[in-house]
């Protein structure tokens, strides 16, 4: 099963191929996507992305995870979160969201087993 392409990105709005609704922030993995609701894990710009935000995507067996930090890179990614991902044997790339989406889509096109979490505002 392949990862879905992110078909559009603008401030506060993302669309994913095969998904009838749009997202503000989203999680994507081989065969699926859903809204990334920060309230589920208590995530905030600081301290940033929590391991709990990534578990759902990591459980799908991705080999690479792309994290989009926002248009202005306001979303932090603590070193403990990066360590958590690497301990699962998954490579991680952390980028400004426009660059992260481009990287993710490139990896999808190459057939990589890739997942991601993307913040589409600040």
N, C-alpha and C. Protein backbone atom coordinates (compact mmCIF):
# COMPACT_ATOMS: atom_id res chain seq x y z
N UNK A 1 0.85 -1.18 0.00
CA UNK A 1 0.00 0.00 0.00
C UNK A 1 0.89 1.24 0.00
N UNK A 2 0.55 2.21 -0.82
CA UNK A 2 1.39 3.40 -0.93
C UNK A 2 0.85 4.54 -0.05
N UNK A 3 1.73 5.47 0.22
CA UNK A 3 1.36 6.66 0.99
C UNK A 3 0.63 7.63 0.07
N UNK A 4 -0.39 8.32 0.58
CA UNK A 4 -1.14 9.25 -0.27
C UNK A 4 -0.38 10.56 -0.50
N UNK A 5 -0.48 11.07 -1.69
CA UNK A 5 0.14 12.36 -2.03
C UNK A 5 -0.61 13.50 -1.34
N UNK A 6 0.13 14.49 -0.89
CA UNK A 6 -0.48 15.74 -0.41
C UNK A 6 -0.65 16.61 -1.65
N UNK A 7 -1.91 16.89 -2.01
CA UNK A 7 -2.20 17.53 -3.29
C UNK A 7 -2.22 19.05 -3.23
N UNK A 8 -2.43 19.62 -2.05
CA UNK A 8 -2.34 21.08 -1.95
C UNK A 8 -2.01 21.49 -0.53
N UNK A 9 -1.36 22.64 -0.43
CA UNK A 9 -0.97 23.21 0.86
C UNK A 9 -1.06 24.72 0.77
N UNK A 10 -1.76 25.31 1.71
CA UNK A 10 -1.76 26.75 1.90
C UNK A 10 -1.93 26.99 3.39
N UNK A 11 -1.84 28.23 3.81
CA UNK A 11 -1.92 28.56 5.23
C UNK A 11 -3.23 28.01 5.82
N UNK A 12 -3.10 27.07 6.76
CA UNK A 12 -4.26 26.52 7.45
C UNK A 12 -5.08 25.52 6.66
N UNK A 13 -4.54 25.03 5.53
CA UNK A 13 -5.34 24.17 4.65
C UNK A 13 -4.44 23.18 3.90
N UNK A 14 -4.77 21.90 4.03
CA UNK A 14 -4.05 20.85 3.30
C UNK A 14 -5.07 19.88 2.74
N UNK A 15 -4.81 19.35 1.53
CA UNK A 15 -5.63 18.29 0.99
C UNK A 15 -4.74 17.10 0.65
N UNK A 16 -5.31 15.92 0.84
CA UNK A 16 -4.59 14.67 0.63
C UNK A 16 -5.38 13.86 -0.39
N UNK A 17 -4.67 13.31 -1.35
CA UNK A 17 -5.30 12.52 -2.41
C UNK A 17 -6.12 11.39 -1.80
N UNK A 18 -7.35 11.27 -2.28
CA UNK A 18 -8.23 10.21 -1.81
C UNK A 18 -9.03 10.54 -0.56
N UNK A 19 -8.82 11.73 -0.01
CA UNK A 19 -9.55 12.14 1.19
C UNK A 19 -10.55 13.22 0.81
N UNK A 20 -11.83 13.03 1.12
CA UNK A 20 -12.85 14.00 0.72
C UNK A 20 -12.81 15.33 1.47
N UNK A 21 -12.19 15.35 2.65
CA UNK A 21 -12.14 16.59 3.42
C UNK A 21 -10.73 17.14 3.44
N UNK A 22 -10.60 18.39 3.87
CA UNK A 22 -9.27 19.00 3.99
C UNK A 22 -8.89 19.04 5.46
N UNK A 23 -7.62 19.33 5.70
CA UNK A 23 -7.08 19.37 7.06
C UNK A 23 -6.40 20.71 7.32
N UNK A 24 -6.34 21.08 8.60
CA UNK A 24 -5.48 22.18 9.02
C UNK A 24 -4.08 21.61 9.27
N UNK A 25 -4.02 20.59 10.10
CA UNK A 25 -2.80 19.83 10.35
C UNK A 25 -3.15 18.37 10.06
N UNK A 26 -2.20 17.61 9.56
CA UNK A 26 -2.55 16.23 9.23
C UNK A 26 -1.43 15.24 9.49
N UNK A 27 -1.87 13.98 9.60
CA UNK A 27 -0.99 12.83 9.68
C UNK A 27 -1.26 12.00 8.43
N UNK A 28 -0.22 11.49 7.82
CA UNK A 28 -0.35 10.63 6.64
C UNK A 28 0.55 9.41 6.80
N UNK A 29 0.12 8.31 6.22
CA UNK A 29 0.86 7.05 6.29
C UNK A 29 0.43 6.18 5.11
N UNK A 30 1.14 5.10 4.85
CA UNK A 30 0.75 4.24 3.74
C UNK A 30 -0.71 3.78 3.90
N UNK A 31 -1.53 4.20 2.96
CA UNK A 31 -2.93 3.80 2.96
C UNK A 31 -3.89 4.70 3.71
N UNK A 32 -3.41 5.82 4.29
CA UNK A 32 -4.36 6.63 5.03
C UNK A 32 -3.88 8.00 5.44
N UNK A 33 -4.82 8.75 6.00
CA UNK A 33 -4.54 10.07 6.54
C UNK A 33 -5.66 10.45 7.49
N UNK A 34 -5.38 11.41 8.33
CA UNK A 34 -6.41 11.97 9.21
C UNK A 34 -5.93 13.31 9.76
N UNK A 35 -6.85 14.03 10.36
CA UNK A 35 -6.49 15.30 11.00
C UNK A 35 -5.55 15.03 12.17
N UNK A 36 -4.60 15.92 12.36
CA UNK A 36 -3.70 15.87 13.50
C UNK A 36 -4.25 16.86 14.52
N UNK A 37 -4.94 16.34 15.51
CA UNK A 37 -5.57 17.16 16.55
C UNK A 37 -4.63 17.23 17.75
N UNK A 38 -4.01 18.37 17.94
CA UNK A 38 -3.03 18.54 19.01
C UNK A 38 -3.64 18.32 20.39
N UNK A 39 -4.95 18.53 20.52
CA UNK A 39 -5.59 18.38 21.83
C UNK A 39 -5.53 16.94 22.33
N UNK A 40 -5.38 15.98 21.43
CA UNK A 40 -5.33 14.58 21.83
C UNK A 40 -4.12 14.28 22.72
N UNK A 41 -3.03 14.99 22.50
CA UNK A 41 -1.80 14.71 23.24
C UNK A 41 -1.29 15.92 24.03
N UNK A 42 -2.02 17.02 23.98
CA UNK A 42 -1.58 18.23 24.68
C UNK A 42 -0.42 18.93 24.00
N UNK A 43 -0.26 18.70 22.70
CA UNK A 43 0.83 19.31 21.95
C UNK A 43 0.61 20.81 21.82
N UNK A 44 1.70 21.55 21.83
CA UNK A 44 1.72 22.99 21.64
C UNK A 44 2.99 23.31 20.87
N UNK A 45 3.12 24.55 20.40
CA UNK A 45 4.35 24.92 19.68
C UNK A 45 5.59 24.65 20.53
N UNK A 46 5.47 24.89 21.83
CA UNK A 46 6.54 24.61 22.79
C UNK A 46 5.96 23.73 23.87
N UNK A 47 6.46 22.60 24.22
CA UNK A 47 7.75 22.07 23.78
C UNK A 47 7.72 21.45 22.39
N UNK A 48 6.54 21.24 21.81
CA UNK A 48 6.49 20.77 20.43
C UNK A 48 5.95 19.37 20.27
N UNK A 49 6.36 18.73 19.18
CA UNK A 49 5.86 17.41 18.80
C UNK A 49 6.23 16.39 19.87
N UNK A 50 5.23 15.64 20.32
CA UNK A 50 5.42 14.63 21.35
C UNK A 50 5.51 13.25 20.70
N UNK A 51 6.21 12.29 21.32
CA UNK A 51 6.21 10.93 20.78
C UNK A 51 4.79 10.40 20.55
N UNK A 52 3.86 10.75 21.43
CA UNK A 52 2.47 10.28 21.28
C UNK A 52 1.83 10.78 19.99
N UNK A 53 2.30 11.92 19.46
CA UNK A 53 1.78 12.44 18.19
C UNK A 53 2.18 11.55 17.02
N UNK A 54 3.25 10.81 17.19
CA UNK A 54 3.84 10.05 16.08
C UNK A 54 3.54 8.56 16.13
N UNK A 55 3.12 8.05 17.27
CA UNK A 55 2.93 6.61 17.45
C UNK A 55 2.01 6.00 16.40
N UNK A 56 0.90 6.64 16.12
CA UNK A 56 -0.06 6.12 15.16
C UNK A 56 0.57 5.92 13.79
N UNK A 57 1.37 6.89 13.36
CA UNK A 57 2.03 6.80 12.05
C UNK A 57 3.14 5.74 12.09
N UNK A 58 3.91 5.71 13.16
CA UNK A 58 5.01 4.75 13.27
C UNK A 58 4.51 3.30 13.29
N UNK A 59 3.33 3.08 13.85
CA UNK A 59 2.77 1.73 13.94
C UNK A 59 2.42 1.15 12.56
N UNK A 60 2.37 1.99 11.54
CA UNK A 60 2.04 1.50 10.19
C UNK A 60 3.25 0.90 9.49
N UNK A 61 4.41 0.94 10.13
CA UNK A 61 5.61 0.33 9.56
C UNK A 61 6.38 1.22 8.60
N UNK A 62 6.21 2.54 8.72
CA UNK A 62 6.96 3.44 7.84
C UNK A 62 8.46 3.29 8.11
N UNK A 63 9.23 3.55 7.07
CA UNK A 63 10.68 3.51 7.20
C UNK A 63 11.27 4.91 7.33
N UNK A 64 10.46 5.90 6.98
CA UNK A 64 10.90 7.29 7.02
C UNK A 64 9.72 8.16 7.46
N UNK A 65 9.98 9.11 8.33
CA UNK A 65 8.95 10.03 8.83
C UNK A 65 9.38 11.46 8.51
N UNK A 66 8.46 12.22 7.92
CA UNK A 66 8.70 13.63 7.63
C UNK A 66 7.84 14.46 8.58
N UNK A 67 8.47 15.43 9.22
CA UNK A 67 7.75 16.32 10.14
C UNK A 67 7.80 17.74 9.58
N UNK A 68 6.62 18.33 9.36
CA UNK A 68 6.52 19.72 8.92
C UNK A 68 6.29 20.62 10.11
N UNK A 69 7.22 21.53 10.36
CA UNK A 69 7.21 22.38 11.57
C UNK A 69 6.36 23.63 11.46
N UNK A 70 5.67 23.82 10.34
CA UNK A 70 4.87 25.02 10.14
C UNK A 70 5.53 25.93 9.12
N UNK A 71 4.75 26.89 8.64
CA UNK A 71 5.23 27.80 7.60
C UNK A 71 6.38 28.68 8.10
N UNK A 72 6.32 29.04 9.38
CA UNK A 72 7.39 29.85 9.99
C UNK A 72 8.24 29.05 10.96
N UNK A 73 8.08 27.73 10.93
CA UNK A 73 8.83 26.81 11.78
C UNK A 73 8.66 27.09 13.27
N UNK A 74 7.43 27.45 13.66
CA UNK A 74 7.16 27.73 15.07
C UNK A 74 7.03 26.46 15.91
N UNK A 75 6.66 25.35 15.26
CA UNK A 75 6.48 24.09 15.98
C UNK A 75 7.84 23.46 16.26
N UNK A 76 8.12 23.24 17.52
CA UNK A 76 9.40 22.66 17.93
C UNK A 76 9.35 21.13 17.83
N UNK A 77 10.50 20.52 17.69
CA UNK A 77 10.64 19.06 17.71
C UNK A 77 11.77 18.75 18.69
N UNK A 78 11.41 18.38 19.92
CA UNK A 78 12.44 18.12 20.93
C UNK A 78 13.34 16.94 20.55
N UNK A 79 14.57 16.98 21.03
CA UNK A 79 15.51 15.89 20.74
C UNK A 79 15.00 14.56 21.26
N UNK A 80 14.24 14.56 22.35
CA UNK A 80 13.67 13.32 22.89
C UNK A 80 12.70 12.69 21.90
N UNK A 81 11.98 13.52 21.16
CA UNK A 81 11.05 13.02 20.15
C UNK A 81 11.82 12.42 18.98
N UNK A 82 12.87 13.09 18.54
CA UNK A 82 13.71 12.57 17.46
C UNK A 82 14.32 11.23 17.89
N UNK A 83 14.82 11.16 19.11
CA UNK A 83 15.40 9.92 19.63
C UNK A 83 14.37 8.80 19.64
N UNK A 84 13.16 9.11 20.04
CA UNK A 84 12.06 8.13 20.07
C UNK A 84 11.85 7.51 18.69
N UNK A 85 11.82 8.36 17.66
CA UNK A 85 11.62 7.89 16.29
C UNK A 85 12.79 7.01 15.85
N UNK A 86 14.00 7.47 16.10
CA UNK A 86 15.19 6.73 15.69
C UNK A 86 15.29 5.38 16.40
N UNK A 87 14.85 5.33 17.67
CA UNK A 87 14.87 4.07 18.42
C UNK A 87 13.92 3.04 17.80
N UNK A 88 12.95 3.51 17.05
CA UNK A 88 12.02 2.62 16.34
C UNK A 88 12.60 2.15 15.00
N UNK A 89 13.82 2.61 14.69
CA UNK A 89 14.46 2.24 13.44
C UNK A 89 13.96 3.02 12.24
N UNK A 90 13.40 4.18 12.50
CA UNK A 90 12.81 5.01 11.44
C UNK A 90 13.66 6.27 11.26
N UNK A 91 13.99 6.57 10.01
CA UNK A 91 14.71 7.81 9.68
C UNK A 91 13.72 8.96 9.80
N UNK A 92 14.18 10.13 10.19
CA UNK A 92 13.29 11.28 10.35
C UNK A 92 13.88 12.51 9.67
N UNK A 93 13.01 13.25 8.99
CA UNK A 93 13.40 14.51 8.36
C UNK A 93 12.48 15.59 8.89
N UNK A 94 13.06 16.67 9.38
CA UNK A 94 12.31 17.76 10.00
C UNK A 94 12.57 19.02 9.19
N UNK A 95 11.49 19.58 8.62
CA UNK A 95 11.63 20.70 7.70
C UNK A 95 10.49 21.70 7.88
N UNK A 96 10.70 22.90 7.34
CA UNK A 96 9.62 23.87 7.21
C UNK A 96 8.54 23.19 6.38
N UNK A 97 7.27 23.46 6.65
CA UNK A 97 6.19 22.64 6.09
C UNK A 97 6.15 22.61 4.56
N UNK A 98 6.36 23.71 3.88
CA UNK A 98 6.34 23.65 2.41
C UNK A 98 7.44 22.72 1.89
N UNK A 99 8.62 22.81 2.49
CA UNK A 99 9.73 21.93 2.10
C UNK A 99 9.45 20.49 2.51
N UNK A 100 8.81 20.32 3.67
CA UNK A 100 8.47 18.98 4.16
C UNK A 100 7.48 18.29 3.23
N UNK A 101 6.46 19.02 2.77
CA UNK A 101 5.47 18.45 1.85
C UNK A 101 6.14 18.07 0.54
N UNK A 102 7.00 18.93 0.02
CA UNK A 102 7.71 18.62 -1.23
C UNK A 102 8.56 17.36 -1.05
N UNK A 103 9.27 17.26 0.06
CA UNK A 103 10.11 16.09 0.34
C UNK A 103 9.24 14.84 0.48
N UNK A 104 8.16 14.95 1.23
CA UNK A 104 7.25 13.82 1.41
C UNK A 104 6.71 13.35 0.06
N UNK A 105 6.20 14.26 -0.76
CA UNK A 105 5.64 13.89 -2.05
C UNK A 105 6.69 13.26 -2.97
N UNK A 106 7.93 13.75 -2.90
CA UNK A 106 9.01 13.16 -3.68
C UNK A 106 9.24 11.71 -3.25
N UNK A 107 9.23 11.47 -1.96
CA UNK A 107 9.42 10.12 -1.43
C UNK A 107 8.25 9.21 -1.80
N UNK A 108 7.03 9.76 -1.77
CA UNK A 108 5.85 8.99 -2.20
C UNK A 108 6.02 8.56 -3.65
N UNK A 109 6.43 9.51 -4.49
CA UNK A 109 6.62 9.23 -5.92
C UNK A 109 7.67 8.14 -6.15
N UNK A 110 8.68 8.11 -5.28
CA UNK A 110 9.74 7.10 -5.38
C UNK A 110 9.31 5.74 -4.83
N UNK A 111 8.11 5.69 -4.23
CA UNK A 111 7.61 4.43 -3.69
C UNK A 111 8.10 4.12 -2.29
N UNK A 112 8.64 5.11 -1.59
CA UNK A 112 9.12 4.90 -0.23
C UNK A 112 7.97 4.63 0.72
N UNK A 113 8.26 3.87 1.76
CA UNK A 113 7.28 3.63 2.82
C UNK A 113 7.40 4.78 3.81
N UNK A 114 6.72 5.88 3.50
CA UNK A 114 6.90 7.14 4.22
C UNK A 114 5.60 7.57 4.89
N UNK A 115 5.75 8.20 6.03
CA UNK A 115 4.64 8.82 6.74
C UNK A 115 5.03 10.23 7.11
N UNK A 116 4.07 10.97 7.62
CA UNK A 116 4.38 12.34 8.02
C UNK A 116 3.35 12.95 8.91
N UNK A 117 3.77 13.99 9.59
CA UNK A 117 2.88 14.88 10.34
C UNK A 117 3.22 16.30 9.92
N UNK A 118 2.19 17.08 9.63
CA UNK A 118 2.40 18.40 9.04
C UNK A 118 1.53 19.45 9.72
N UNK A 119 2.16 20.55 10.09
CA UNK A 119 1.50 21.71 10.69
C UNK A 119 1.43 22.78 9.60
N UNK A 120 0.21 23.25 9.28
CA UNK A 120 0.07 24.13 8.11
C UNK A 120 -0.04 25.62 8.41
N UNK A 121 0.10 26.01 9.66
CA UNK A 121 0.11 27.46 9.93
C UNK A 121 1.50 27.84 10.45
N UNK A 122 1.55 28.66 11.47
CA UNK A 122 2.82 29.21 11.95
C UNK A 122 3.85 28.14 12.19
